Amino acid sequence: MMKESKLTNFQQRHIMDTMKRGDPLPLQCSPASSQRVLPSKQPASAIYLPPIMAARSHLRPASKCQANGAYSREQFKPQATRDLEKEKRRLQSIFATGKEPEERKSKPPPVRQEDPAPEPDRFEELVKEIQERKEFLADMEALGQGRRYRGIILTEISQKLQEMEDIDHKRSEELRKALATTLSVSRGAGSPASTTGTPTPLPNRVTPRSAQPPWPSAMSNGCIALPLPRVPQTETAP
């Protein structure tokens, strides 16, 4: 069959090698070399694109443009004029001193400092924590889990109570010291003469003659001067 097909020796040898390997026989074979014939390239399938829509004009009619204000002109807005009095004073200062007056810069308003938040009172916090633990224990008792949490909650409550006692004792000591200091200062300010050690002499008082007492007084010669009797004054008829 190969002789009838008039195959060359190379083609016959190539066919025999292919049959020995068990490969399929090639459809085409080069008569003089082992160059492989590349498969023919199939033409790519044509890509069909959708038809292009006809372009529409996006021009708007003049009536719509006028209605939207496209043809309206921007109104002129005059800017703020200069202060004439200020310019006069500036020119007067330049003619008088040759310098422009220094503008006084206004001080910025003081920044208001926010009051710091008061520190939380530890004693009140402990009271709230104890109340929360009591409520939690009551809820657990209602759910039948009180035995599980009772020991832990009671231990925490006792610790909170001990801390409250320490705070109370500390505050009582501070209050006692403050009262002692206040009393010592008030006593020192109330008796200034006791600090010097010498009493302050009283000023000499002169008793007027009309205010002398009506009791007897000793005279320089040893006699006793008796007071004169008072004469009652009688009212005279008009």
C-alpha atoms as a PDB file:
ATOM      1  CA  MET A   1       0.000   0.000   0.000  1.00  0.00           C
ATOM      2  CA  MET A   2       2.844   2.374   0.850  1.00  0.00           C
ATOM      3  CA  LYS A   3       4.564   1.488  -2.450  1.00  0.00           C
ATOM      4  CA  GLU A   4       1.352   2.096  -4.383  1.00  0.00           C
ATOM      5  CA  SER A   5       0.964   5.444  -2.648  1.00  0.00           C
ATOM      6  CA  LYS A   6       4.454   6.340  -3.900  1.00  0.00           C
ATOM      7  CA  LEU A   7       5.679   7.396  -0.455  1.00  0.00           C
ATOM      8  CA  THR A   8       9.280   8.268   0.061  1.00  0.00           C
ATOM      9  CA  ASN A   9      11.566   6.271   2.291  1.00  0.00           C
ATOM     10  CA  PHE A  10      11.377   8.951   4.967  1.00  0.00           C
ATOM     11  CA  GLN A  11       7.579   8.921   4.908  1.00  0.00           C
ATOM     12  CA  GLN A  12       7.495   5.124   5.075  1.00  0.00           C
ATOM     13  CA  ARG A  13       9.951   5.094   7.976  1.00  0.00           C
ATOM     14  CA  HIS A  14       7.958   7.771   9.817  1.00  0.00           C
ATOM     15  CA  ILE A  15       4.734   5.770   9.394  1.00  0.00           C
ATOM     16  CA  MET A  16       6.377   2.603  10.693  1.00  0.00           C
ATOM     17  CA  ASP A  17       7.741   4.392  13.762  1.00  0.00           C
ATOM     18  CA  THR A  18       4.322   5.821  14.484  1.00  0.00           C
ATOM     19  CA  MET A  19       2.692   2.389  14.232  1.00  0.00           C
ATOM     20  CA  LYS A  20       5.279   0.868  16.573  1.00  0.00           C
ATOM     21  CA  ARG A  21       4.584   3.535  19.167  1.00  0.00           C
ATOM     22  CA  GLY A  22       0.906   3.000  18.798  1.00  0.00           C
ATOM     23  CA  ASP A  23       0.243   6.629  17.977  1.00  0.00           C
ATOM     24  CA  PRO A  24      -2.389   7.641  15.474  1.00  0.00           C
ATOM     25  CA  LEU A  25      -1.133   8.062  11.941  1.00  0.00           C
ATOM     26  CA  PRO A  26      -0.525  11.650  10.884  1.00  0.00           C
ATOM     27  CA  LEU A  27      -2.765  13.126   8.271  1.00  0.00           C
ATOM     28  CA  GLN A  28       0.140  14.921   6.607  1.00  0.00           C
ATOM     29  CA  CYS A  29       3.855  14.216   6.599  1.00  0.00           C
ATOM     30  CA  SER A  30       6.731  16.165   5.127  1.00  0.00           C
ATOM     31  CA  PRO A  31       8.425  14.126   2.353  1.00  0.00           C
ATOM     32  CA  ALA A  32      12.031  15.132   3.204  1.00  0.00           C
ATOM     33  CA  SER A  33      12.215  16.198   6.893  1.00  0.00           C
ATOM     34  CA  SER A  34      10.604  15.614  10.218  1.00  0.00           C
ATOM     35  CA  GLN A  35       9.126  19.052  10.302  1.00  0.00           C
ATOM     36  CA  ARG A  36       5.768  18.965  11.891  1.00  0.00           C
ATOM     37  CA  VAL A  37       2.924  20.469  10.081  1.00  0.00           C
ATOM     38  CA  LEU A  38       1.275  23.095  12.156  1.00  0.00           C
ATOM     39  CA  PRO A  39      -2.462  22.887  12.368  1.00  0.00           C
ATOM     40  CA  SER A  40      -4.242  25.361  10.233  1.00  0.00           C
ATOM     41  CA  LYS A  41      -5.508  28.304  12.127  1.00  0.00           C
ATOM     42  CA  GLN A  42      -9.215  28.550  12.173  1.00  0.00           C
ATOM     43  CA  PRO A  43     -10.590  31.989  11.560  1.00  0.00           C
ATOM     44  CA  ALA A  44     -11.824  33.649  14.688  1.00  0.00           C
ATOM     45  CA  SER A  45     -15.521  33.774  15.061  1.00  0.00           C
ATOM     46  CA  ALA A  46     -16.947  37.096  14.186  1.00  0.00           C
ATOM     47  CA  ILE A  47     -18.014  39.201  17.164  1.00  0.00           C
ATOM     48  CA  TYR A  48     -21.385  40.710  16.647  1.00  0.00           C
ATOM     49  CA  LEU A  49     -21.766  44.126  18.247  1.00  0.00           C
ATOM     50  CA  PRO A  50     -25.109  45.715  18.907  1.00  0.00           C
ATOM     51  CA  PRO A  51     -26.090  48.285  16.372  1.00  0.00           C
ATOM     52  CA  ILE A  52     -25.054  51.809  17.244  1.00  0.00           C
ATOM     53  CA  MET A  53     -27.994  53.912  18.130  1.00  0.00           C
ATOM     54  CA  ALA A  54     -28.481  57.040  16.198  1.00  0.00           C
ATOM     55  CA  ALA A  55     -26.940  60.009  17.979  1.00  0.00           C
ATOM     56  CA  ARG A  56     -29.408  62.437  19.401  1.00  0.00           C
ATOM     57  CA  SER A  57     -28.873  66.121  19.623  1.00  0.00           C
ATOM     58  CA  HIS A  58     -28.438  67.350  23.230  1.00  0.00           C
ATOM     59  CA  LEU A  59     -29.089  70.952  22.397  1.00  0.00           C
ATOM     60  CA  ARG A  60     -31.746  72.581  24.527  1.00  0.00           C
ATOM     61  CA  PRO A  61     -34.157  75.091  23.167  1.00  0.00           C
ATOM     62  CA  ALA A  62     -33.651  78.757  24.020  1.00  0.00           C
ATOM     63  CA  SER A  63     -36.826  78.885  26.104  1.00  0.00           C
ATOM     64  CA  LYS A  64     -35.482  76.277  28.534  1.00  0.00           C
ATOM     65  CA  CYS A  65     -32.114  78.013  28.750  1.00  0.00           C
ATOM     66  CA  GLN A  66     -33.790  81.318  29.577  1.00  0.00           C
ATOM     67  CA  ALA A  67     -36.054  79.652  32.130  1.00  0.00           C
ATOM     68  CA  ASN A  68     -33.007  78.144  33.899  1.00  0.00           C
ATOM     69  CA  GLY A  69     -31.286  81.530  34.024  1.00  0.00           C
ATOM     70  CA  ALA A  70     -28.473  80.710  31.617  1.00  0.00           C
ATOM     71  CA  TYR A  71     -28.637  84.179  30.011  1.00  0.00           C
ATOM     72  CA  SER A  72     -29.044  86.185  33.242  1.00  0.00           C
ATOM     73  CA  ARG A  73     -26.066  88.372  34.151  1.00  0.00           C
ATOM     74  CA  GLU A  74     -24.503  88.379  37.571  1.00  0.00           C
ATOM     75  CA  GLN A  75     -25.521  91.447  39.524  1.00  0.00           C
ATOM     76  CA  PHE A  76     -22.752  93.766  40.644  1.00  0.00           C
ATOM     77  CA  LYS A  77     -22.279  93.799  44.397  1.00  0.00           C
ATOM     78  CA  PRO A  78     -20.262  96.762  45.664  1.00  0.00           C
ATOM     79  CA  GLN A  79     -17.668  95.980  48.290  1.00  0.00           C
ATOM     80  CA  ALA A  80     -17.466  97.706  51.640  1.00  0.00           C
ATOM     81  CA  THR A  81     -15.947 101.181  51.361  1.00  0.00           C
ATOM     82  CA  ARG A  82     -13.116 102.370  53.549  1.00  0.00           C
ATOM     83  CA  ASP A  83     -13.768 104.302  56.741  1.00  0.00           C
ATOM     84  CA  LEU A  84     -13.217 107.958  55.808  1.00  0.00           C
ATOM     85  CA  GLU A  85     -12.700 109.108  59.391  1.00  0.00           C
ATOM     86  CA  LYS A  86     -10.066 106.446  59.900  1.00  0.00           C
ATOM     87  CA  GLU A  87      -8.294 107.509  56.694  1.00  0.00           C
ATOM     88  CA  LYS A  88      -8.306 111.141  57.835  1.00  0.00           C
ATOM     89  CA  ARG A  89      -6.706 110.228  61.134  1.00  0.00           C
ATOM     90  CA  ARG A  90      -4.112 108.119  59.322  1.00  0.00           C
ATOM     91  CA  LEU A  91      -3.157 110.996  56.994  1.00  0.00           C
ATOM     92  CA  GLN A  92      -2.990 113.442  59.899  1.00  0.00           C
ATOM     93  CA  SER A  93      -0.628 111.115  61.738  1.00  0.00           C
ATOM     94  CA  ILE A  94       1.561 110.739  58.623  1.00  0.00           C
ATOM     95  CA  PHE A  95       1.793 114.538  58.125  1.00  0.00           C
ATOM     96  CA  ALA A  96       2.455 115.165  61.825  1.00  0.00           C
ATOM     97  CA  THR A  97       4.862 112.360  62.729  1.00  0.00           C
ATOM     98  CA  GLY A  98       5.742 110.795  59.397  1.00  0.00           C
ATOM     99  CA  LYS A  99       4.495 107.420  60.596  1.00  0.00           C
ATOM    100  CA  GLU A 100       1.260 105.580  60.388  1.00  0.00           C
ATOM    101  CA  PRO A 101      -0.588 105.204  63.679  1.00  0.00           C
ATOM    102  CA  GLU A 102      -0.268 101.852  65.331  1.00  0.00           C
ATOM    103  CA  GLU A 103      -3.518 100.026  65.480  1.00  0.00           C
ATOM    104  CA  ARG A 104      -4.430  98.704  68.858  1.00  0.00           C
ATOM    105  CA  LYS A 105      -4.994  95.042  68.666  1.00  0.00           C
ATOM    106  CA  SER A 106      -8.017  93.949  70.598  1.00  0.00           C
ATOM    107  CA  LYS A 107      -7.281  91.319  73.157  1.00  0.00           C
ATOM    108  CA  PRO A 108      -8.912  88.002  72.490  1.00  0.00           C
ATOM    109  CA  PRO A 109     -11.697  87.147  74.882  1.00  0.00           C
ATOM    110  CA  PRO A 110     -10.502  85.080  77.807  1.00  0.00           C
ATOM    111  CA  VAL A 111     -11.046  81.419  77.402  1.00  0.00           C
ATOM    112  CA  ARG A 112     -13.462  80.175  79.959  1.00  0.00           C
ATOM    113  CA  GLN A 113     -12.009  77.255  81.770  1.00  0.00           C
ATOM    114  CA  GLU A 114     -14.451  74.559  82.542  1.00  0.00           C
ATOM    115  CA  ASP A 115     -14.726  73.559  86.137  1.00  0.00           C
ATOM    116  CA  PRO A 116     -13.139  70.182  86.713  1.00  0.00           C
ATOM    117  CA  ALA A 117     -15.545  67.422  87.454  1.00  0.00           C
ATOM    118  CA  PRO A 118     -15.785  66.666  91.168  1.00  0.00           C
ATOM    119  CA  GLU A 119     -13.986  63.560  92.269  1.00  0.00           C
ATOM    120  CA  PRO A 120     -16.335  60.697  93.073  1.00  0.00           C
ATOM    121  CA  ASP A 121     -16.818  59.959  96.745  1.00  0.00           C
ATOM    122  CA  ARG A 122     -15.405  56.549  97.521  1.00  0.00           C
ATOM    123  CA  PHE A 123     -17.763  56.085 100.472  1.00  0.00           C
ATOM    124  CA  GLU A 124     -20.828  56.550  98.261  1.00  0.00           C
ATOM    125  CA  GLU A 125     -19.364  54.206  95.647  1.00  0.00           C
ATOM    126  CA  LEU A 126     -18.965  51.511  98.292  1.00  0.00           C
ATOM    127  CA  VAL A 127     -22.578  51.965  99.386  1.00  0.00           C
ATOM    128  CA  LYS A 128     -23.772  51.502  95.788  1.00  0.00           C
ATOM    129  CA  GLU A 129     -21.563  48.445  95.278  1.00  0.00           C
ATOM    130  CA  ILE A 130     -22.909  46.799  98.438  1.00  0.00           C
ATOM    131  CA  GLN A 131     -26.490  47.511  97.343  1.00  0.00           C
ATOM    132  CA  GLU A 132     -25.806  45.999  93.902  1.00  0.00           C
ATOM    133  CA  ARG A 133     -24.414  42.825  95.466  1.00  0.00           C
ATOM    134  CA  LYS A 134     -27.423  42.511  97.749  1.00  0.00           C
ATOM    135  CA  GLU A 135     -29.773  42.810  94.772  1.00  0.00           C
ATOM    136  CA  PHE A 136     -27.749  40.256  92.803  1.00  0.00           C
ATOM    137  CA  LEU A 137     -27.857  37.788  95.691  1.00  0.00           C
ATOM    138  CA  ALA A 138     -31.623  38.282  96.021  1.00  0.00           C
ATOM    139  CA  ASP A 139     -32.063  37.537  92.293  1.00  0.00           C
ATOM    140  CA  MET A 140     -29.954  34.387  92.584  1.00  0.00           C
ATOM    141  CA  GLU A 141     -31.985  33.268  95.610  1.00  0.00           C
ATOM    142  CA  ALA A 142     -35.149  33.694  93.550  1.00  0.00           C
ATOM    143  CA  LEU A 143     -33.646  31.563  90.749  1.00  0.00           C
ATOM    144  CA  GLY A 144     -32.486  28.869  93.167  1.00  0.00           C
ATOM    145  CA  GLN A 145     -28.769  29.651  92.706  1.00  0.00           C
ATOM    146  CA  GLY A 146     -28.256  31.441  96.029  1.00  0.00           C
ATOM    147  CA  ARG A 147     -26.161  28.675  97.559  1.00  0.00           C
ATOM    148  CA  ARG A 148     -23.673  28.954  94.695  1.00  0.00           C
ATOM    149  CA  TYR A 149     -23.049  32.700  95.046  1.00  0.00           C
ATOM    150  CA  ARG A 150     -23.837  33.368  98.732  1.00  0.00           C
ATOM    151  CA  GLY A 151     -20.286  32.859 100.045  1.00  0.00           C
ATOM    152  CA  ILE A 152     -18.653  35.000  97.340  1.00  0.00           C
ATOM    153  CA  ILE A 153     -21.142  37.859  97.715  1.00  0.00           C
ATOM    154  CA  LEU A 154     -20.962  37.917 101.519  1.00  0.00           C
ATOM    155  CA  THR A 155     -17.146  37.970 101.390  1.00  0.00           C
ATOM    156  CA  GLU A 156     -17.164  40.941  99.017  1.00  0.00           C
ATOM    157  CA  ILE A 157     -19.715  42.775 101.160  1.00  0.00           C
ATOM    158  CA  SER A 158     -17.585  42.292 104.283  1.00  0.00           C
ATOM    159  CA  GLN A 159     -14.553  43.689 102.434  1.00  0.00           C
ATOM    160  CA  LYS A 160     -16.550  46.737 101.345  1.00  0.00           C
ATOM    161  CA  LEU A 161     -17.758  47.309 104.909  1.00  0.00           C
ATOM    162  CA  GLN A 162     -14.192  47.122 106.234  1.00  0.00           C
ATOM    163  CA  GLU A 163     -13.091  49.725 103.683  1.00  0.00           C
ATOM    164  CA  MET A 164     -16.003  51.965 104.700  1.00  0.00           C
ATOM    165  CA  GLU A 165     -14.941  51.722 108.353  1.00  0.00           C
ATOM    166  CA  ASP A 166     -11.381  52.729 107.431  1.00  0.00           C
ATOM    167  CA  ILE A 167     -12.636  55.750 105.482  1.00  0.00           C
ATOM    168  CA  ASP A 168     -14.927  56.767 108.353  1.00  0.00           C
ATOM    169  CA  HIS A 169     -12.086  56.501 110.881  1.00  0.00           C
ATOM    170  CA  LYS A 170      -9.764  58.554 108.666  1.00  0.00           C
ATOM    171  CA  ARG A 171     -12.348  61.300 108.174  1.00  0.00           C
ATOM    172  CA  SER A 172     -13.053  61.433 111.908  1.00  0.00           C
ATOM    173  CA  GLU A 173      -9.342  61.956 112.630  1.00  0.00           C
ATOM    174  CA  GLU A 174      -9.127  64.747 110.048  1.00  0.00           C
ATOM    175  CA  LEU A 175     -12.207  66.451 111.496  1.00  0.00           C
ATOM    176  CA  ARG A 176     -10.829  66.216 115.040  1.00  0.00           C
ATOM    177  CA  LYS A 177      -7.525  67.797 113.996  1.00  0.00           C
ATOM    178  CA  ALA A 178      -9.327  70.583 112.139  1.00  0.00           C
ATOM    179  CA  LEU A 179     -11.495  71.378 115.186  1.00  0.00           C
ATOM    180  CA  ALA A 180      -8.455  71.429 117.485  1.00  0.00           C
ATOM    181  CA  THR A 181      -6.639  73.847 115.180  1.00  0.00           C
ATOM    182  CA  THR A 182      -9.687  76.121 114.941  1.00  0.00           C
ATOM    183  CA  LEU A 183     -10.124  76.228 118.735  1.00  0.00           C
ATOM    184  CA  SER A 184      -6.451  77.037 119.344  1.00  0.00           C
ATOM    185  CA  VAL A 185      -6.550  79.891 116.827  1.00  0.00           C
ATOM    186  CA  SER A 186      -9.775  81.327 118.273  1.00  0.00           C
ATOM    187  CA  ARG A 187      -8.417  81.219 121.831  1.00  0.00           C
ATOM    188  CA  GLY A 188      -5.217  82.983 120.822  1.00  0.00           C
ATOM    189  CA  ALA A 189      -7.159  85.728 119.020  1.00  0.00           C
ATOM    190  CA  GLY A 190      -9.674  86.205 121.881  1.00  0.00           C
ATOM    191  CA  SER A 191      -7.092  86.937 124.658  1.00  0.00           C
ATOM    192  CA  PRO A 192      -4.218  88.982 123.203  1.00  0.00           C
ATOM    193  CA  ALA A 193      -3.148  90.340 126.631  1.00  0.00           C
ATOM    194  CA  SER A 194      -2.377  86.869 127.951  1.00  0.00           C
ATOM    195  CA  THR A 195       0.391  86.446 125.392  1.00  0.00           C
ATOM    196  CA  THR A 196       2.351  89.506 126.648  1.00  0.00           C
ATOM    197  CA  GLY A 197       2.171  88.626 130.346  1.00  0.00           C
ATOM    198  CA  THR A 198       1.513  92.232 131.544  1.00  0.00           C
ATOM    199  CA  PRO A 199      -2.005  93.613 132.013  1.00  0.00           C
ATOM    200  CA  THR A 200      -3.044  96.622 129.969  1.00  0.00           C
ATOM    201  CA  PRO A 201      -3.442  99.733 132.219  1.00  0.00           C
ATOM    202  CA  LEU A 202      -6.869 101.317 132.237  1.00  0.00           C
ATOM    203  CA  PRO A 203      -7.146 105.006 131.250  1.00  0.00           C
ATOM    204  CA  ASN A 204      -7.656 107.635 134.022  1.00  0.00           C
ATOM    205  CA  ARG A 205     -11.245 108.660 134.295  1.00  0.00           C
ATOM    206  CA  VAL A 206     -12.214 112.062 135.661  1.00  0.00           C
ATOM    207  CA  THR A 207     -15.594 112.168 137.320  1.00  0.00           C
ATOM    208  CA  PRO A 208     -17.387 115.463 136.659  1.00  0.00           C
ATOM    209  CA  ARG A 209     -18.466 117.552 139.612  1.00  0.00           C
ATOM    210  CA  SER A 210     -22.117 117.138 138.921  1.00  0.00           C
ATOM    211  CA  ALA A 211     -21.719 113.383 138.806  1.00  0.00           C
ATOM    212  CA  GLN A 212     -19.873 112.987 142.144  1.00  0.00           C
ATOM    213  CA  PRO A 213     -21.514 110.420 144.451  1.00  0.00           C
ATOM    214  CA  PRO A 214     -23.707 111.759 147.319  1.00  0.00           C
ATOM    215  CA  TRP A 215     -21.895 109.711 149.979  1.00  0.00           C
ATOM    216  CA  PRO A 216     -19.378 111.289 152.460  1.00  0.00           C
ATOM    217  CA  SER A 217     -15.800 111.783 151.273  1.00  0.00           C
ATOM    218  CA  ALA A 218     -12.630 112.381 153.293  1.00  0.00           C
ATOM    219  CA  MET A 219     -11.099 115.861 153.097  1.00  0.00           C
ATOM    220  CA  SER A 220      -7.417 116.723 153.213  1.00  0.00           C
ATOM    221  CA  ASN A 221      -7.623 117.814 156.885  1.00  0.00           C
ATOM    222  CA  GLY A 222      -9.185 114.538 158.028  1.00  0.00           C
ATOM    223  CA  CYS A 223     -12.728 115.864 158.389  1.00  0.00           C
ATOM    224  CA  ILE A 224     -15.634 114.263 156.671  1.00  0.00           C
ATOM    225  CA  ALA A 225     -17.598 116.420 154.324  1.00  0.00           C
ATOM    226  CA  LEU A 226     -21.285 115.659 154.307  1.00  0.00           C
ATOM    227  CA  PRO A 227     -23.267 116.132 151.170  1.00  0.00           C
ATOM    228  CA  LEU A 228     -25.604 119.105 150.988  1.00  0.00           C
ATOM    229  CA  PRO A 229     -29.299 118.311 151.103  1.00  0.00           C
ATOM    230  CA  ARG A 230     -31.198 118.739 147.891  1.00  0.00           C
ATOM    231  CA  VAL A 231     -33.850 121.454 147.875  1.00  0.00           C
ATOM    232  CA  PRO A 232     -36.973 120.370 146.078  1.00  0.00           C
ATOM    233  CA  GLN A 233     -38.018 122.760 143.342  1.00  0.00           C
ATOM    234  CA  THR A 234     -41.604 124.005 143.426  1.00  0.00           C
ATOM    235  CA  GLU A 235     -43.472 124.768 140.318  1.00  0.00           C
ATOM    236  CA  THR A 236     -44.784 128.338 140.106  1.00  0.00           C
ATOM    237  CA  ALA A 237     -48.099 129.115 138.600  1.00  0.00           C
ATOM    238  CA  PRO A 238     -48.008 131.170 135.429  1.00  0.00           C
END
